[in-house]
Amino acid sequence: MKLHTESFSLEVLKPRDAQSLSRLMISNGRRFQQYLPKTLSENLSEADSKNYIRRKTKKLKNQEEFTFAIKDIDSRDVAGLVILKNIDPVLKQGEFAYCLGQRYSGKGWMTRSIKAAKAYAFNELKLETLQIIIHKSNLPSIQIALRNGFTWIKTLENEHATEDDVLDMELYELHYER
């Protein structure tokens, strides 16, 4: 899947993105720590990011998980990630996780990226249900989900462990309309 706009592209994460991905994670560490601690911890150096990308490439080849980079058209830097994970071929279901660097926020890049990724999930992968699990305090992420047609389903109690706490999370879903 590829999406190209005048300001950004959405494409499969590649080995050459390792340095840029690591820079993104480190420079946005506080922003990503609470909701994406695992992804952050796996990208704290260029070597870590190379290993992360290797693992993600293997999962992509096996169609277990799809990790896409949002890239700034001018600099070619990784601005964020869209990950389609927890794919269940029997239930025809998958879950999105995503992040975007602070300097790229508020430009509509993530909303447009999720729109492209959900079309790919429905049309190419033939999934029927997409989920996003969000903390109630993450209002920008909730707005992205709502702008893409996801609806709130329920609160998942004790769903997400942080360094300091276990948090309730909100489940949003979108069902494919045939």
Protein backbone atom coordinates (compact mmCIF):
# COMPACT_ATOMS: atom_id res chain seq x y z
CA MET A 1 0.00 0.00 0.00
CA LYS A 2 1.20 3.48 -0.81
CA LEU A 3 -0.35 6.87 -0.30
CA HIS A 4 1.31 9.99 -1.69
CA THR A 5 0.09 13.50 -0.98
CA GLU A 6 1.70 16.88 -1.50
CA SER A 7 3.21 16.80 2.00
CA PHE A 8 3.57 13.18 3.14
CA SER A 9 3.56 9.57 2.02
CA LEU A 10 2.43 6.36 3.69
CA GLU A 11 4.51 3.34 2.78
CA VAL A 12 5.90 0.10 4.19
CA LEU A 13 8.65 0.67 6.73
CA LYS A 14 12.04 -0.14 5.15
CA PRO A 15 15.53 -0.88 6.58
CA ARG A 16 16.79 2.49 5.32
CA ASP A 17 14.27 4.15 7.68
CA ALA A 18 16.06 2.92 10.83
CA GLN A 19 17.97 6.10 11.66
CA SER A 20 14.97 8.34 11.04
CA LEU A 21 12.65 6.07 13.03
CA SER A 22 14.99 6.04 15.99
CA ARG A 23 15.29 9.86 15.88
CA LEU A 24 11.48 10.15 15.82
CA MET A 25 11.08 7.87 18.83
CA ILE A 26 13.81 9.53 20.89
CA SER A 27 12.69 13.09 20.13
CA ASN A 28 9.08 12.20 21.01
CA GLY A 29 9.87 9.88 23.91
CA ARG A 30 7.61 11.57 26.42
CA ARG A 31 4.79 11.75 23.89
CA PHE A 32 4.98 8.03 23.07
CA GLN A 33 5.93 6.63 26.50
CA GLN A 34 2.46 6.31 27.99
CA TYR A 35 0.62 4.62 25.12
CA LEU A 36 3.38 3.07 22.98
CA PRO A 37 6.04 2.05 25.51
CA LYS A 38 6.97 -1.17 23.71
CA THR A 39 7.43 0.49 20.31
CA LEU A 40 9.42 3.27 21.95
CA SER A 41 11.68 0.88 23.86
CA GLU A 42 12.38 -1.09 20.67
CA ASN A 43 13.62 2.01 18.81
CA LEU A 44 16.00 3.84 21.14
CA SER A 45 19.00 3.48 18.82
CA GLU A 46 19.56 3.02 15.11
CA ALA A 47 20.62 -0.60 15.76
CA ASP A 48 17.41 -1.19 17.75
CA SER A 49 15.35 0.27 14.91
CA LYS A 50 17.10 -1.97 12.36
CA ASN A 51 16.11 -5.01 14.45
CA TYR A 52 12.58 -3.65 14.87
CA ILE A 53 12.23 -3.17 11.10
CA ARG A 54 13.59 -6.69 10.46
CA ARG A 55 10.95 -8.18 12.77
CA LYS A 56 8.20 -6.05 11.23
CA THR A 57 9.28 -7.02 7.70
CA LYS A 58 9.06 -10.72 8.61
CA LYS A 59 5.57 -10.22 10.07
CA LEU A 60 4.53 -8.34 6.93
CA LYS A 61 5.74 -11.18 4.67
CA ASN A 62 3.71 -13.62 6.79
CA GLN A 63 0.74 -11.20 6.71
CA GLU A 64 0.63 -11.21 10.52
CA GLU A 65 1.14 -7.47 10.96
CA PHE A 66 1.61 -4.46 8.70
CA THR A 67 3.77 -1.52 9.74
CA PHE A 68 3.63 1.60 7.60
CA ALA A 69 5.78 4.71 7.88
CA ILE A 70 4.32 8.17 7.48
CA LYS A 71 7.11 10.12 5.77
CA ASP A 72 7.60 13.82 5.27
CA ILE A 73 7.83 14.35 1.49
CA ASP A 74 10.49 17.07 1.74
CA SER A 75 12.90 15.49 4.24
CA ARG A 76 11.93 11.79 3.75
CA ASP A 77 12.03 11.54 7.56
CA VAL A 78 9.70 9.13 9.34
CA ALA A 79 7.02 11.34 10.90
CA GLY A 80 4.94 8.53 12.39
CA LEU A 81 3.75 4.96 12.16
CA VAL A 82 0.50 3.17 11.38
CA ILE A 83 0.48 -0.45 12.52
CA LEU A 84 -2.22 -2.97 11.64
CA LYS A 85 -1.78 -5.68 14.28
CA ASN A 86 -3.61 -8.46 16.12
CA ILE A 87 -4.93 -9.70 12.81
CA ASP A 88 -7.32 -12.61 13.24
CA PRO A 89 -8.03 -14.25 9.85
CA VAL A 90 -10.87 -16.34 11.30
CA LEU A 91 -12.71 -13.36 12.78
CA LYS A 92 -11.51 -11.17 9.85
CA GLN A 93 -10.47 -8.56 12.36
CA GLY A 94 -7.46 -6.33 13.00
CA GLU A 95 -6.41 -3.49 15.28
CA PHE A 96 -4.72 -0.19 14.46
CA ALA A 97 -2.03 1.43 16.58
CA TYR A 98 -0.49 4.70 15.48
CA CYS A 99 1.76 7.54 16.47
CA LEU A 100 2.86 10.83 14.98
CA GLY A 101 5.69 13.14 15.96
CA GLN A 102 4.69 16.39 17.66
CA ARG A 103 5.98 18.61 14.85
CA TYR A 104 3.68 16.86 12.35
CA SER A 105 0.51 16.94 14.46
CA GLY A 106 -2.52 18.97 13.50
CA LYS A 107 -1.98 18.70 9.74
CA GLY A 108 -4.44 15.87 9.04
CA TRP A 109 -1.70 13.40 8.19
CA MET A 110 -2.85 10.71 10.62
CA THR A 111 -6.52 11.00 9.69
CA ARG A 112 -5.63 10.57 6.01
CA SER A 113 -3.20 7.75 6.78
CA ILE A 114 -5.82 5.79 8.75
CA LYS A 115 -8.29 6.35 5.91
CA ALA A 116 -5.85 4.78 3.44
CA ALA A 117 -4.90 1.97 5.84
CA LYS A 118 -8.51 1.05 6.56
CA ALA A 119 -9.25 0.89 2.80
CA TYR A 120 -6.26 -1.44 2.43
CA ALA A 121 -7.42 -3.60 5.36
CA PHE A 122 -10.95 -3.91 4.00
CA ASN A 123 -10.26 -4.14 0.26
CA GLU A 124 -6.93 -5.98 0.06
CA LEU A 125 -6.83 -8.01 3.27
CA LYS A 126 -10.60 -8.61 3.31
CA LEU A 127 -10.92 -7.80 7.00
CA GLU A 128 -14.44 -7.03 8.21
CA THR A 129 -13.82 -5.39 11.61
CA LEU A 130 -11.15 -2.87 12.55
CA GLN A 131 -10.44 -1.79 16.10
CA ILE A 132 -8.60 1.03 17.81
CA ILE A 133 -7.94 0.92 21.55
CA ILE A 134 -7.46 4.40 23.02
CA HIS A 135 -7.13 5.94 26.47
CA LYS A 136 -9.95 8.41 27.20
CA SER A 137 -7.40 11.19 27.78
CA ASN A 138 -5.94 10.82 24.28
CA LEU A 139 -8.39 13.21 22.63
CA PRO A 140 -6.47 13.66 19.34
CA SER A 141 -6.47 9.88 18.81
CA ILE A 142 -10.18 9.68 19.61
CA GLN A 143 -10.85 12.42 17.03
CA ILE A 144 -8.87 10.49 14.40
CA ALA A 145 -10.94 7.38 15.09
CA LEU A 146 -14.24 9.29 14.93
CA ARG A 147 -13.26 11.13 11.71
CA ASN A 148 -12.62 7.73 10.16
CA GLY A 149 -16.03 6.35 11.07
CA PHE A 150 -15.07 4.31 14.14
CA THR A 151 -17.60 4.20 16.95
CA TRP A 152 -17.09 3.70 20.68
CA ILE A 153 -18.01 0.16 21.74
CA LYS A 154 -17.03 -0.23 25.41
CA THR A 155 -14.49 0.40 28.13
CA LEU A 156 -11.87 -2.34 28.49
CA GLU A 157 -10.99 -2.48 32.18
CA ASN A 158 -7.33 -2.87 33.17
CA GLU A 159 -6.35 -3.19 29.51
CA HIS A 160 -3.04 -1.31 29.36
CA ALA A 161 -0.11 -1.48 31.77
CA THR A 162 2.20 1.51 32.09
CA GLU A 163 5.30 1.86 34.28
CA ASP A 164 3.17 3.30 37.07
CA ASP A 165 -0.37 2.01 36.60
CA VAL A 166 -2.85 -0.23 34.82
CA LEU A 167 -5.30 1.79 32.70
CA ASP A 168 -8.79 1.28 31.42
CA MET A 169 -8.93 1.79 27.66
CA GLU A 170 -11.72 2.59 25.23
CA LEU A 171 -12.53 0.25 22.33
CA TYR A 172 -13.57 1.79 19.01
CA GLU A 173 -14.64 -0.33 16.04
CA LEU A 174 -15.45 0.02 12.38
CA HIS A 175 -17.27 -2.69 10.43
CA TYR A 176 -17.00 -3.13 6.69
CA GLU A 177 -20.25 -2.33 4.91
CA ARG A 178 -20.73 -4.55 1.85
